[in-house]
Each structure stands twice: as C-alpha cells, then as structure tokens.
Amino acid sequence: MSLNGLWKLVTENTAQTSEDSADHRLRGRTYLVAYATVWDEIIAMIESRPLWKLLHADEASGSIHAEARTLVFRFVDDVRIKLKLDRDALTRVDMWSGSRVGNADLGANRRRIARFFKDLDRRLQARR
C-alpha cells in the first residue's frame, strides 16, 4: 500500500463514488437494466442485510437513505444511494457512505461500497 493510501485509511471517514475515481471500486455503475428493476434489487439488498436498516426511500427522486452497522463495534454509519437515468436512458447508481463518529474508518466505507456494487452487479447479471 502506498503512503497516500495509508494516509487515507487513518484520516478519512467517508467514501463516495464518482465517474473518475482512482479506485475502480468507487466509480459507481451504469446498468442496461430498467430503472425499476435496479431500484427493486437495491431495496431488496438493503432489507436482506442484517446490519442494515432502510430509513427512507423515494423512488420518484431516486434517493435512498439507510444505516449500516459495523460488525465488531456496531458503530452506525450512514449510506446514501442515488439512482437516475443518464443521457442515454441507462440506469446510473452512485453511493456515499460515511461514519457518524470518529475521524478514520480504516477503509470500512470504501469496502462497504465495493461489496455493495459487487453484490448488485451479481444480482442484476442473474436477472438478464
């Protein structure tokens, strides 16, 4: 791990996707799958995770807010997911995850986003 990567682990407590992220796991996703199908899969994923709790979901605006507890210490982190149709009418999904307490998450939010998209990719691939 680079010195810059180590510095991020001990100084950041949030992570989010962007189209140009240096970390390929944090680039969000664009799916050739209907918006409603992606929405339903995301809601089902959140509801099936024992350490997650759905707080708010508004399909019309494409916004989801959930809580995710850490495994060991049960810290509560916030998760926000945004769905929209891009200019090509493909379903775009972006995500933000942030710790409520502390100044460093040791990469927990980055890993949460990476695991979430890995699972979503798998679930949507199975529906094709």
N, C-alpha and C. Protein backbone atom coordinates (compact mmCIF):
# COMPACT_ATOMS: atom_id res chain seq x y z
N MET A 1 0.84 -1.18 0.00
CA MET A 1 0.00 0.00 0.00
C MET A 1 0.89 1.24 0.00
N SER A 2 0.48 2.23 -0.77
CA SER A 2 1.25 3.47 -0.84
C SER A 2 1.05 4.30 0.42
N LEU A 3 1.94 5.25 0.61
CA LEU A 3 1.84 6.15 1.75
C LEU A 3 0.55 6.96 1.67
N ASN A 4 0.17 7.35 0.46
CA ASN A 4 -1.08 8.08 0.26
C ASN A 4 -2.28 7.22 0.64
N GLY A 5 -2.26 5.94 0.28
CA GLY A 5 -3.34 5.03 0.64
C GLY A 5 -3.44 4.83 2.13
N LEU A 6 -2.30 4.70 2.79
CA LEU A 6 -2.27 4.56 4.25
C LEU A 6 -2.80 5.82 4.92
N TRP A 7 -2.42 6.98 4.40
CA TRP A 7 -2.90 8.25 4.94
C TRP A 7 -4.43 8.34 4.87
N LYS A 8 -5.01 7.90 3.76
CA LYS A 8 -6.46 7.91 3.61
C LYS A 8 -7.14 7.02 4.65
N LEU A 9 -6.55 5.86 4.92
CA LEU A 9 -7.14 4.94 5.90
C LEU A 9 -7.25 5.56 7.29
N VAL A 10 -6.30 6.41 7.64
CA VAL A 10 -6.28 6.96 9.00
C VAL A 10 -6.81 8.39 9.09
N THR A 11 -7.25 8.97 7.97
CA THR A 11 -7.75 10.35 8.02
C THR A 11 -9.13 10.53 7.40
N GLU A 12 -9.67 9.53 6.72
CA GLU A 12 -10.98 9.67 6.07
C GLU A 12 -12.01 8.80 6.77
N ASN A 13 -13.24 9.33 6.87
CA ASN A 13 -14.32 8.53 7.43
C ASN A 13 -15.54 8.53 6.52
N THR A 14 -15.35 8.87 5.26
CA THR A 14 -16.40 8.78 4.25
C THR A 14 -15.81 8.24 2.95
N ALA A 15 -16.68 7.75 2.10
CA ALA A 15 -16.28 7.34 0.75
C ALA A 15 -17.48 7.56 -0.16
N GLN A 16 -17.21 7.84 -1.41
CA GLN A 16 -18.30 8.01 -2.36
C GLN A 16 -17.83 7.66 -3.76
N THR A 17 -18.80 7.34 -4.59
CA THR A 17 -18.48 7.02 -5.97
C THR A 17 -18.37 8.29 -6.79
N SER A 18 -17.58 8.19 -7.84
CA SER A 18 -17.50 9.24 -8.86
C SER A 18 -17.04 8.56 -10.14
N GLU A 19 -17.37 9.15 -11.26
CA GLU A 19 -17.05 8.53 -12.54
C GLU A 19 -15.55 8.46 -12.80
N ASP A 20 -14.77 9.34 -12.16
CA ASP A 20 -13.33 9.38 -12.42
C ASP A 20 -12.49 8.99 -11.20
N SER A 21 -13.05 8.23 -10.28
CA SER A 21 -12.33 7.81 -9.08
C SER A 21 -11.10 6.98 -9.45
N ALA A 22 -10.00 7.24 -8.75
CA ALA A 22 -8.78 6.46 -8.97
C ALA A 22 -8.98 5.01 -8.53
N ASP A 23 -9.86 4.79 -7.57
CA ASP A 23 -10.19 3.44 -7.09
C ASP A 23 -11.34 2.91 -7.95
N HIS A 24 -11.08 1.91 -8.77
CA HIS A 24 -12.10 1.41 -9.71
C HIS A 24 -13.36 0.94 -8.99
N ARG A 25 -13.25 0.53 -7.72
CA ARG A 25 -14.42 0.08 -6.96
C ARG A 25 -15.35 1.23 -6.63
N LEU A 26 -14.86 2.46 -6.74
CA LEU A 26 -15.66 3.63 -6.36
C LEU A 26 -16.09 4.46 -7.56
N ARG A 27 -16.33 3.82 -8.68
CA ARG A 27 -16.75 4.54 -9.88
C ARG A 27 -18.25 4.51 -10.11
N GLY A 28 -19.02 3.96 -9.21
CA GLY A 28 -20.46 3.85 -9.44
C GLY A 28 -20.71 2.91 -10.60
N ARG A 29 -21.94 2.82 -11.00
CA ARG A 29 -22.28 1.90 -12.08
C ARG A 29 -23.36 2.48 -12.97
N THR A 30 -23.32 2.07 -14.23
CA THR A 30 -24.38 2.34 -15.18
C THR A 30 -24.83 1.00 -15.72
N TYR A 31 -26.14 0.74 -15.62
CA TYR A 31 -26.68 -0.56 -15.98
C TYR A 31 -27.64 -0.45 -17.16
N LEU A 32 -27.57 -1.43 -18.04
CA LEU A 32 -28.51 -1.57 -19.14
C LEU A 32 -29.67 -2.44 -18.64
N VAL A 33 -30.26 -1.98 -17.55
CA VAL A 33 -31.36 -2.67 -16.87
C VAL A 33 -32.37 -1.59 -16.51
N ALA A 34 -33.65 -1.92 -16.56
CA ALA A 34 -34.69 -0.94 -16.27
C ALA A 34 -34.52 -0.34 -14.86
N TYR A 35 -34.77 0.95 -14.77
CA TYR A 35 -34.66 1.68 -13.50
C TYR A 35 -35.42 0.97 -12.38
N ALA A 36 -36.66 0.57 -12.65
CA ALA A 36 -37.49 -0.07 -11.62
C ALA A 36 -36.88 -1.39 -11.15
N THR A 37 -36.26 -2.12 -12.05
CA THR A 37 -35.61 -3.39 -11.68
C THR A 37 -34.42 -3.13 -10.77
N VAL A 38 -33.60 -2.15 -11.12
CA VAL A 38 -32.44 -1.80 -10.29
C VAL A 38 -32.91 -1.32 -8.93
N TRP A 39 -33.92 -0.47 -8.92
CA TRP A 39 -34.48 0.03 -7.65
C TRP A 39 -34.93 -1.13 -6.76
N ASP A 40 -35.72 -2.04 -7.32
CA ASP A 40 -36.22 -3.18 -6.55
C ASP A 40 -35.09 -4.04 -5.99
N GLU A 41 -34.05 -4.27 -6.78
CA GLU A 41 -32.91 -5.07 -6.32
C GLU A 41 -32.18 -4.37 -5.18
N ILE A 42 -31.99 -3.06 -5.28
CA ILE A 42 -31.30 -2.32 -4.22
C ILE A 42 -32.10 -2.37 -2.92
N ILE A 43 -33.40 -2.14 -3.00
CA ILE A 43 -34.25 -2.19 -1.80
C ILE A 43 -34.20 -3.60 -1.19
N ALA A 44 -34.28 -4.62 -2.02
CA ALA A 44 -34.23 -6.00 -1.52
C ALA A 44 -32.87 -6.29 -0.87
N MET A 45 -31.80 -5.78 -1.46
CA MET A 45 -30.47 -5.99 -0.87
C MET A 45 -30.38 -5.35 0.51
N ILE A 46 -30.85 -4.13 0.62
CA ILE A 46 -30.79 -3.44 1.91
C ILE A 46 -31.61 -4.18 2.95
N GLU A 47 -32.81 -4.58 2.58
CA GLU A 47 -33.69 -5.26 3.53
C GLU A 47 -33.17 -6.64 3.91
N SER A 48 -32.33 -7.25 3.09
CA SER A 48 -31.82 -8.59 3.40
C SER A 48 -30.54 -8.56 4.23
N ARG A 49 -29.93 -7.42 4.36
CA ARG A 49 -28.68 -7.32 5.12
C ARG A 49 -29.01 -7.13 6.60
N PRO A 50 -28.55 -8.04 7.46
CA PRO A 50 -28.91 -7.97 8.88
C PRO A 50 -28.37 -6.73 9.61
N LEU A 51 -27.28 -6.16 9.14
CA LEU A 51 -26.71 -4.99 9.81
C LEU A 51 -27.14 -3.67 9.17
N TRP A 52 -28.06 -3.73 8.22
CA TRP A 52 -28.55 -2.53 7.54
C TRP A 52 -30.00 -2.26 7.92
N LYS A 53 -30.37 -0.99 7.88
CA LYS A 53 -31.75 -0.59 8.14
C LYS A 53 -32.13 0.49 7.14
N LEU A 54 -33.21 0.26 6.40
CA LEU A 54 -33.71 1.24 5.44
C LEU A 54 -34.41 2.36 6.21
N LEU A 55 -33.98 3.59 6.01
CA LEU A 55 -34.58 4.73 6.70
C LEU A 55 -35.55 5.50 5.81
N HIS A 56 -35.20 5.68 4.55
CA HIS A 56 -36.03 6.46 3.64
C HIS A 56 -35.74 6.02 2.21
N ALA A 57 -36.80 5.91 1.43
CA ALA A 57 -36.66 5.57 0.01
C ALA A 57 -37.71 6.32 -0.78
N ASP A 58 -37.29 7.07 -1.77
CA ASP A 58 -38.19 7.83 -2.64
C ASP A 58 -37.85 7.48 -4.09
N GLU A 59 -38.63 6.57 -4.64
CA GLU A 59 -38.35 6.09 -5.99
C GLU A 59 -38.43 7.21 -7.03
N ALA A 60 -39.34 8.15 -6.85
CA ALA A 60 -39.50 9.24 -7.83
C ALA A 60 -38.24 10.08 -7.94
N SER A 61 -37.58 10.35 -6.81
CA SER A 61 -36.36 11.15 -6.84
C SER A 61 -35.10 10.28 -6.93
N GLY A 62 -35.28 8.98 -6.76
CA GLY A 62 -34.16 8.06 -6.84
C GLY A 62 -33.23 8.08 -5.65
N SER A 63 -33.74 8.53 -4.50
CA SER A 63 -32.87 8.64 -3.32
C SER A 63 -33.22 7.60 -2.26
N ILE A 64 -32.17 7.02 -1.68
CA ILE A 64 -32.30 6.01 -0.63
C ILE A 64 -31.35 6.40 0.50
N HIS A 65 -31.86 6.32 1.73
CA HIS A 65 -31.02 6.56 2.91
C HIS A 65 -31.16 5.35 3.82
N ALA A 66 -30.02 4.81 4.23
CA ALA A 66 -30.02 3.64 5.09
C ALA A 66 -28.93 3.80 6.16
N GLU A 67 -29.03 2.99 7.18
CA GLU A 67 -27.99 2.89 8.19
C GLU A 67 -27.32 1.53 8.04
N ALA A 68 -26.03 1.51 8.28
CA ALA A 68 -25.29 0.24 8.26
C ALA A 68 -24.44 0.19 9.53
N ARG A 69 -24.57 -0.88 10.27
CA ARG A 69 -23.77 -1.04 11.49
C ARG A 69 -22.50 -1.82 11.16
N THR A 70 -21.42 -1.43 11.83
CA THR A 70 -20.18 -2.17 11.66
C THR A 70 -20.27 -3.48 12.43
N LEU A 71 -19.56 -4.47 11.98
CA LEU A 71 -19.67 -5.81 12.54
C LEU A 71 -19.17 -5.90 13.98
N VAL A 72 -18.02 -5.39 14.27
CA VAL A 72 -17.41 -5.60 15.58
C VAL A 72 -17.96 -4.67 16.65
N PHE A 73 -17.84 -3.37 16.43
CA PHE A 73 -18.22 -2.41 17.46
C PHE A 73 -19.65 -1.89 17.32
N ARG A 74 -20.33 -2.27 16.24
CA ARG A 74 -21.72 -1.86 15.98
C ARG A 74 -21.89 -0.34 15.84
N PHE A 75 -20.83 0.34 15.33
CA PHE A 75 -20.97 1.75 15.02
C PHE A 75 -22.01 1.91 13.92
N VAL A 76 -22.77 2.98 13.96
CA VAL A 76 -23.78 3.24 12.94
C VAL A 76 -23.20 4.20 11.91
N ASP A 77 -23.25 3.80 10.65
CA ASP A 77 -22.80 4.62 9.54
C ASP A 77 -24.00 4.93 8.64
N ASP A 78 -23.94 6.04 7.96
CA ASP A 78 -24.99 6.42 7.03
C ASP A 78 -24.61 6.02 5.62
N VAL A 79 -25.61 5.58 4.87
CA VAL A 79 -25.43 5.20 3.47
C VAL A 79 -26.49 5.93 2.65
N ARG A 80 -26.06 6.56 1.59
CA ARG A 80 -26.99 7.23 0.68
C ARG A 80 -26.72 6.71 -0.73
N ILE A 81 -27.81 6.35 -1.40
CA ILE A 81 -27.72 5.81 -2.74
C ILE A 81 -28.59 6.66 -3.64
N LYS A 82 -28.08 6.98 -4.81
CA LYS A 82 -28.81 7.81 -5.77
C LYS A 82 -28.91 7.08 -7.10
N LEU A 83 -30.13 6.93 -7.60
CA LEU A 83 -30.38 6.35 -8.91
C LEU A 83 -30.91 7.43 -9.83
N LYS A 84 -30.50 7.37 -11.09
CA LYS A 84 -31.04 8.29 -12.09
C LYS A 84 -30.84 7.69 -13.47
N LEU A 85 -31.54 8.20 -14.42
CA LEU A 85 -31.33 7.82 -15.81
C LEU A 85 -30.31 8.78 -16.39
N ASP A 86 -29.29 8.24 -17.06
CA ASP A 86 -28.29 9.12 -17.67
C ASP A 86 -28.79 9.61 -19.02
N ARG A 87 -27.96 10.33 -19.75
CA ARG A 87 -28.39 10.92 -21.03
C ARG A 87 -28.72 9.88 -22.08
N ASP A 88 -28.25 8.64 -21.88
CA ASP A 88 -28.55 7.54 -22.80
C ASP A 88 -29.68 6.66 -22.30
N ALA A 89 -30.38 7.11 -21.26
CA ALA A 89 -31.50 6.38 -20.65
C ALA A 89 -31.06 5.08 -19.99
N LEU A 90 -29.81 5.03 -19.55
CA LEU A 90 -29.31 3.90 -18.78
C LEU A 90 -29.42 4.25 -17.30
N THR A 91 -29.55 3.24 -16.45
CA THR A 91 -29.73 3.47 -15.02
C THR A 91 -28.36 3.65 -14.36
N ARG A 92 -28.15 4.83 -13.80
CA ARG A 92 -26.90 5.17 -13.12
C ARG A 92 -27.12 5.07 -11.61
N VAL A 93 -26.18 4.41 -10.91
CA VAL A 93 -26.25 4.27 -9.46
C VAL A 93 -24.95 4.81 -8.86
N ASP A 94 -25.10 5.74 -7.92
CA ASP A 94 -23.97 6.26 -7.16
C ASP A 94 -24.26 6.10 -5.68
N MET A 95 -23.20 6.10 -4.89
CA MET A 95 -23.35 5.79 -3.47
C MET A 95 -22.38 6.61 -2.64
N TRP A 96 -22.80 6.97 -1.44
CA TRP A 96 -21.98 7.65 -0.44
C TRP A 96 -22.15 6.88 0.87
N SER A 97 -21.06 6.69 1.59
CA SER A 97 -21.10 6.01 2.88
C SER A 97 -20.21 6.78 3.83
N GLY A 98 -20.74 7.09 5.03
CA GLY A 98 -19.96 7.87 5.98
C GLY A 98 -20.19 7.45 7.41
N SER A 99 -19.12 7.50 8.18
CA SER A 99 -19.18 7.16 9.60
C SER A 99 -19.74 8.34 10.38
N ARG A 100 -20.57 8.05 11.35
CA ARG A 100 -21.13 9.11 12.19
C ARG A 100 -20.15 9.56 13.27
N VAL A 101 -19.27 8.68 13.68
CA VAL A 101 -18.31 9.02 14.73
C VAL A 101 -16.89 8.73 14.26
N GLY A 102 -15.95 9.44 14.84
CA GLY A 102 -14.53 9.19 14.55
C GLY A 102 -14.04 9.94 13.35
N ASN A 103 -12.73 9.98 13.24
CA ASN A 103 -12.07 10.68 12.14
C ASN A 103 -11.51 9.74 11.09
N ALA A 104 -11.52 8.45 11.36
CA ALA A 104 -10.98 7.48 10.41
C ALA A 104 -11.81 6.21 10.47
N ASP A 105 -12.05 5.63 9.31
CA ASP A 105 -12.85 4.40 9.26
C ASP A 105 -12.01 3.19 8.85
N LEU A 106 -10.72 3.38 8.67
CA LEU A 106 -9.80 2.31 8.26
C LEU A 106 -10.27 1.62 6.98
N GLY A 107 -10.91 2.36 6.11
CA GLY A 107 -11.36 1.84 4.82
C GLY A 107 -12.70 1.15 4.83
N ALA A 108 -13.41 1.19 5.97
CA ALA A 108 -14.70 0.47 6.07
C ALA A 108 -15.72 0.98 5.07
N ASN A 109 -15.80 2.29 4.86
CA ASN A 109 -16.80 2.83 3.92
C ASN A 109 -16.46 2.47 2.48
N ARG A 110 -15.19 2.49 2.13
CA ARG A 110 -14.78 2.07 0.78
C ARG A 110 -15.14 0.59 0.56
N ARG A 111 -14.85 -0.24 1.54
CA ARG A 111 -15.17 -1.67 1.42
C ARG A 111 -16.67 -1.89 1.34
N ARG A 112 -17.44 -1.13 2.10
CA ARG A 112 -18.90 -1.28 2.07
C ARG A 112 -19.42 -0.98 0.67
N ILE A 113 -18.95 0.09 0.06
CA ILE A 113 -19.38 0.45 -1.29
C ILE A 113 -18.96 -0.63 -2.28
N ALA A 114 -17.72 -1.09 -2.18
CA ALA A 114 -17.23 -2.12 -3.10
C ALA A 114 -18.05 -3.40 -2.98
N ARG A 115 -18.35 -3.83 -1.76
CA ARG A 115 -19.15 -5.05 -1.57
C ARG A 115 -20.56 -4.85 -2.10
N PHE A 116 -21.13 -3.68 -1.85
CA PHE A 116 -22.48 -3.40 -2.31
C PHE A 116 -22.58 -3.52 -3.83
N PHE A 117 -21.65 -2.87 -4.54
CA PHE A 117 -21.70 -2.93 -6.00
C PHE A 117 -21.37 -4.31 -6.53
N LYS A 118 -20.49 -5.03 -5.88
CA LYS A 118 -20.19 -6.40 -6.31
C LYS A 118 -21.45 -7.25 -6.22
N ASP A 119 -22.19 -7.11 -5.14
CA ASP A 119 -23.44 -7.86 -4.96
C ASP A 119 -24.49 -7.40 -5.96
N LEU A 120 -24.63 -6.09 -6.15
CA LEU A 120 -25.62 -5.58 -7.10
C LEU A 120 -25.29 -6.04 -8.52
N ASP A 121 -24.02 -5.97 -8.90
CA ASP A 121 -23.62 -6.46 -10.23
C ASP A 121 -24.03 -7.92 -10.42
N ARG A 122 -23.75 -8.74 -9.41
CA ARG A 122 -24.08 -10.16 -9.48
C ARG A 122 -25.59 -10.38 -9.60
N ARG A 123 -26.35 -9.66 -8.80
CA ARG A 123 -27.80 -9.84 -8.81
C ARG A 123 -28.42 -9.38 -10.13
N LEU A 124 -27.95 -8.28 -10.66
CA LEU A 124 -28.51 -7.78 -11.93
C LEU A 124 -28.07 -8.65 -13.10
N GLN A 125 -26.88 -9.20 -13.06
CA GLN A 125 -26.41 -10.11 -14.11
C GLN A 125 -27.29 -11.36 -14.14
N ALA A 126 -27.69 -11.83 -12.98
CA ALA A 126 -28.52 -13.03 -12.89
C ALA A 126 -29.92 -12.80 -13.45
N ARG A 127 -30.36 -11.56 -13.49
CA ARG A 127 -31.72 -11.25 -13.98
C ARG A 127 -31.79 -11.11 -15.48
N ARG A 128 -30.66 -11.08 -16.16
CA ARG A 128 -30.67 -10.91 -17.62
C ARG A 128 -31.09 -12.15 -18.32
